[in-house]
Amino acid sequence: MLFARLLLIVQILFLTAYGLAFLLRPHEMANFSGLLTMQAAAATDLRAWYGGLALGLALYLLLALPAGQLRPALLLMLLINVMPALARLLGLALDGGAEQTFNLYLLLGEVVAAGLAWLALRRV
């Protein structure tokens, strides 16, 4: 149980930092992945989907900790890492991944986080 809680806390911290970064600095964060924010609507969309969604997920995980909802929280953690990893793998295959170090690093992080969530789920 301690492992699961610590894992969720790390995920909460990552999602919070990621969400705040996109919420407060969408242009700079977009540049990391090569996105262009040419209009205000693009920055607002980045704030909403990358910032707001990440913060909402972090809040759910945070609220699940004291409520004793470790299994649903770990399942959510597994899904929010597996699904982007699968989509990223498809994107790398379709778009060519030789020079996409940004996506390769994120893929590595998603796979590790998903694997740890899976291990924690088996123990809870």
C-alpha atoms as a PDB file:
ATOM      1  CA  MET A   1       0.000   0.000   0.000  1.00  0.00           C
ATOM      2  CA  LEU A   2       2.844   2.369   0.741  1.00  0.00           C
ATOM      3  CA  PHE A   3       4.307   1.728  -2.708  1.00  0.00           C
ATOM      4  CA  ALA A   4       0.955   2.496  -4.345  1.00  0.00           C
ATOM      5  CA  ARG A   5       0.510   5.710  -2.376  1.00  0.00           C
ATOM      6  CA  LEU A   6       4.035   6.914  -3.127  1.00  0.00           C
ATOM      7  CA  LEU A   7       3.578   6.089  -6.801  1.00  0.00           C
ATOM      8  CA  LEU A   8       0.337   8.066  -6.919  1.00  0.00           C
ATOM      9  CA  ILE A   9       1.963  11.006  -5.136  1.00  0.00           C
ATOM     10  CA  VAL A  10       4.751  11.084  -7.745  1.00  0.00           C
ATOM     11  CA  GLN A  11       2.121  10.962 -10.519  1.00  0.00           C
ATOM     12  CA  ILE A  12       0.173  13.773  -8.823  1.00  0.00           C
ATOM     13  CA  LEU A  13       3.295  15.925  -8.609  1.00  0.00           C
ATOM     14  CA  PHE A  14       4.159  15.283 -12.267  1.00  0.00           C
ATOM     15  CA  LEU A  15       0.628  16.009 -13.494  1.00  0.00           C
ATOM     16  CA  THR A  16       0.443  19.163 -11.370  1.00  0.00           C
ATOM     17  CA  ALA A  17       3.764  20.492 -12.658  1.00  0.00           C
ATOM     18  CA  TYR A  18       2.894  19.575 -16.251  1.00  0.00           C
ATOM     19  CA  GLY A  19      -0.575  21.077 -15.973  1.00  0.00           C
ATOM     20  CA  LEU A  20       0.610  24.312 -14.388  1.00  0.00           C
ATOM     21  CA  ALA A  21       3.369  24.671 -16.960  1.00  0.00           C
ATOM     22  CA  PHE A  22       0.867  24.426 -19.835  1.00  0.00           C
ATOM     23  CA  LEU A  23      -1.684  26.581 -18.040  1.00  0.00           C
ATOM     24  CA  LEU A  24       0.766  29.391 -17.297  1.00  0.00           C
ATOM     25  CA  ARG A  25       3.293  29.095 -20.176  1.00  0.00           C
ATOM     26  CA  PRO A  26       1.551  27.445 -23.159  1.00  0.00           C
ATOM     27  CA  HIS A  27       3.796  28.988 -25.824  1.00  0.00           C
ATOM     28  CA  GLU A  28       7.015  27.830 -24.208  1.00  0.00           C
ATOM     29  CA  MET A  29       5.659  24.349 -23.493  1.00  0.00           C
ATOM     30  CA  ALA A  30       4.380  24.000 -27.054  1.00  0.00           C
ATOM     31  CA  ASN A  31       7.843  24.808 -28.388  1.00  0.00           C
ATOM     32  CA  PHE A  32       9.286  21.729 -26.645  1.00  0.00           C
ATOM     33  CA  SER A  33       7.274  19.453 -28.902  1.00  0.00           C
ATOM     34  CA  GLY A  34       7.441  21.592 -32.022  1.00  0.00           C
ATOM     35  CA  LEU A  35       3.872  22.863 -31.826  1.00  0.00           C
ATOM     36  CA  LEU A  36       3.129  26.342 -33.109  1.00  0.00           C
ATOM     37  CA  THR A  37       0.751  28.598 -31.239  1.00  0.00           C
ATOM     38  CA  MET A  38       0.020  31.065 -34.010  1.00  0.00           C
ATOM     39  CA  GLN A  39      -3.220  32.440 -32.571  1.00  0.00           C
ATOM     40  CA  ALA A  40      -4.718  33.096 -29.157  1.00  0.00           C
ATOM     41  CA  ALA A  41      -7.196  30.256 -29.680  1.00  0.00           C
ATOM     42  CA  ALA A  42      -4.322  27.780 -29.913  1.00  0.00           C
ATOM     43  CA  ALA A  43      -2.839  28.957 -26.612  1.00  0.00           C
ATOM     44  CA  THR A  44      -6.245  28.752 -24.942  1.00  0.00           C
ATOM     45  CA  ASP A  45      -6.718  25.210 -26.230  1.00  0.00           C
ATOM     46  CA  LEU A  46      -3.293  24.217 -24.892  1.00  0.00           C
ATOM     47  CA  ARG A  47      -4.160  25.735 -21.522  1.00  0.00           C
ATOM     48  CA  ALA A  48      -7.435  23.804 -21.440  1.00  0.00           C
ATOM     49  CA  TRP A  49      -6.434  20.373 -22.755  1.00  0.00           C
ATOM     50  CA  TYR A  50      -2.863  20.079 -21.559  1.00  0.00           C
ATOM     51  CA  GLY A  51      -3.098  22.289 -18.485  1.00  0.00           C
ATOM     52  CA  GLY A  52      -6.658  21.853 -17.267  1.00  0.00           C
ATOM     53  CA  LEU A  53      -6.941  18.169 -18.042  1.00  0.00           C
ATOM     54  CA  ALA A  54      -3.651  17.319 -16.311  1.00  0.00           C
ATOM     55  CA  LEU A  55      -4.681  19.330 -13.253  1.00  0.00           C
ATOM     56  CA  GLY A  56      -8.074  17.623 -13.180  1.00  0.00           C
ATOM     57  CA  LEU A  57      -6.456  14.197 -13.299  1.00  0.00           C
ATOM     58  CA  ALA A  58      -4.038  15.182 -10.536  1.00  0.00           C
ATOM     59  CA  LEU A  59      -6.942  16.407  -8.409  1.00  0.00           C
ATOM     60  CA  TYR A  60      -8.814  13.133  -8.866  1.00  0.00           C
ATOM     61  CA  LEU A  61      -5.751  11.140  -7.811  1.00  0.00           C
ATOM     62  CA  LEU A  62      -5.233  13.433  -4.824  1.00  0.00           C
ATOM     63  CA  LEU A  63      -8.848  13.066  -3.699  1.00  0.00           C
ATOM     64  CA  ALA A  64      -8.647   9.280  -4.097  1.00  0.00           C
ATOM     65  CA  LEU A  65      -5.690   8.922  -1.703  1.00  0.00           C
ATOM     66  CA  PRO A  66      -7.395   9.629   1.632  1.00  0.00           C
ATOM     67  CA  ALA A  67     -10.703   8.168   0.448  1.00  0.00           C
ATOM     68  CA  GLY A  68      -9.122   4.728   0.218  1.00  0.00           C
ATOM     69  CA  GLN A  69      -9.732   4.490  -3.510  1.00  0.00           C
ATOM     70  CA  LEU A  70      -6.285   3.209  -4.430  1.00  0.00           C
ATOM     71  CA  ARG A  71      -7.466   0.693  -7.037  1.00  0.00           C
ATOM     72  CA  PRO A  72      -9.487   3.155  -9.148  1.00  0.00           C
ATOM     73  CA  ALA A  73      -6.701   5.742  -8.843  1.00  0.00           C
ATOM     74  CA  LEU A  74      -4.052   3.243  -9.941  1.00  0.00           C
ATOM     75  CA  LEU A  75      -6.254   2.102 -12.812  1.00  0.00           C
ATOM     76  CA  LEU A  76      -6.607   5.711 -13.927  1.00  0.00           C
ATOM     77  CA  MET A  77      -2.842   6.154 -13.649  1.00  0.00           C
ATOM     78  CA  LEU A  78      -2.333   3.054 -15.758  1.00  0.00           C
ATOM     79  CA  LEU A  79      -4.727   4.277 -18.449  1.00  0.00           C
ATOM     80  CA  ILE A  80      -3.431   7.859 -18.598  1.00  0.00           C
ATOM     81  CA  ASN A  81       0.016   6.446 -19.301  1.00  0.00           C
ATOM     82  CA  VAL A  82      -0.775   3.431 -21.499  1.00  0.00           C
ATOM     83  CA  MET A  83      -3.102   5.190 -23.934  1.00  0.00           C
ATOM     84  CA  PRO A  84      -0.777   8.115 -24.749  1.00  0.00           C
ATOM     85  CA  ALA A  85       2.111   5.644 -25.027  1.00  0.00           C
ATOM     86  CA  LEU A  86       0.190   3.560 -27.570  1.00  0.00           C
ATOM     87  CA  ALA A  87      -0.849   6.671 -29.500  1.00  0.00           C
ATOM     88  CA  ARG A  88       2.732   7.966 -29.375  1.00  0.00           C
ATOM     89  CA  LEU A  89       4.045   4.638 -30.707  1.00  0.00           C
ATOM     90  CA  LEU A  90       1.560   4.831 -33.570  1.00  0.00           C
ATOM     91  CA  GLY A  91       2.576   8.426 -34.250  1.00  0.00           C
ATOM     92  CA  LEU A  92       6.264   7.556 -34.231  1.00  0.00           C
ATOM     93  CA  ALA A  93       5.607   4.719 -36.670  1.00  0.00           C
ATOM     94  CA  LEU A  94       3.475   6.840 -38.992  1.00  0.00           C
ATOM     95  CA  ASP A  95       5.464  10.076 -38.761  1.00  0.00           C
ATOM     96  CA  GLY A  96       8.980   8.715 -38.413  1.00  0.00           C
ATOM     97  CA  GLY A  97      10.571   8.744 -35.009  1.00  0.00           C
ATOM     98  CA  ALA A  98      14.300   8.872 -35.678  1.00  0.00           C
ATOM     99  CA  GLU A  99      14.734  12.479 -34.564  1.00  0.00           C
ATOM    100  CA  GLN A 100      11.820  12.878 -32.191  1.00  0.00           C
ATOM    101  CA  THR A 101      13.744  12.803 -28.932  1.00  0.00           C
ATOM    102  CA  PHE A 102      10.971  14.749 -27.139  1.00  0.00           C
ATOM    103  CA  ASN A 103       8.457  12.006 -27.935  1.00  0.00           C
ATOM    104  CA  LEU A 104      10.914   9.213 -27.223  1.00  0.00           C
ATOM    105  CA  TYR A 105      11.595  10.581 -23.724  1.00  0.00           C
ATOM    106  CA  LEU A 106       7.885  10.962 -23.039  1.00  0.00           C
ATOM    107  CA  LEU A 107       7.272   7.437 -24.309  1.00  0.00           C
ATOM    108  CA  LEU A 108       9.901   6.092 -21.935  1.00  0.00           C
ATOM    109  CA  GLY A 109       8.303   7.918 -19.008  1.00  0.00           C
ATOM    110  CA  GLU A 110       4.822   6.694 -19.941  1.00  0.00           C
ATOM    111  CA  VAL A 111       5.953   3.080 -20.248  1.00  0.00           C
ATOM    112  CA  VAL A 112       7.765   3.182 -16.899  1.00  0.00           C
ATOM    113  CA  ALA A 113       4.813   4.857 -15.154  1.00  0.00           C
ATOM    114  CA  ALA A 114       2.356   2.379 -16.677  1.00  0.00           C
ATOM    115  CA  GLY A 115       4.524  -0.562 -15.645  1.00  0.00           C
ATOM    116  CA  LEU A 116       4.793   0.699 -12.076  1.00  0.00           C
ATOM    117  CA  ALA A 117       1.036   1.327 -11.921  1.00  0.00           C
ATOM    118  CA  TRP A 118       0.416  -2.212 -13.159  1.00  0.00           C
ATOM    119  CA  LEU A 119       2.720  -3.635 -10.491  1.00  0.00           C
ATOM    120  CA  ALA A 120       1.032  -1.560  -7.795  1.00  0.00           C
ATOM    121  CA  LEU A 121      -2.418  -2.668  -8.988  1.00  0.00           C
ATOM    122  CA  ARG A 122      -1.407  -6.304  -8.577  1.00  0.00           C
ATOM    123  CA  ARG A 123      -0.428  -5.652  -4.944  1.00  0.00           C
ATOM    124  CA  VAL A 124      -3.516  -3.690  -3.856  1.00  0.00           C
END
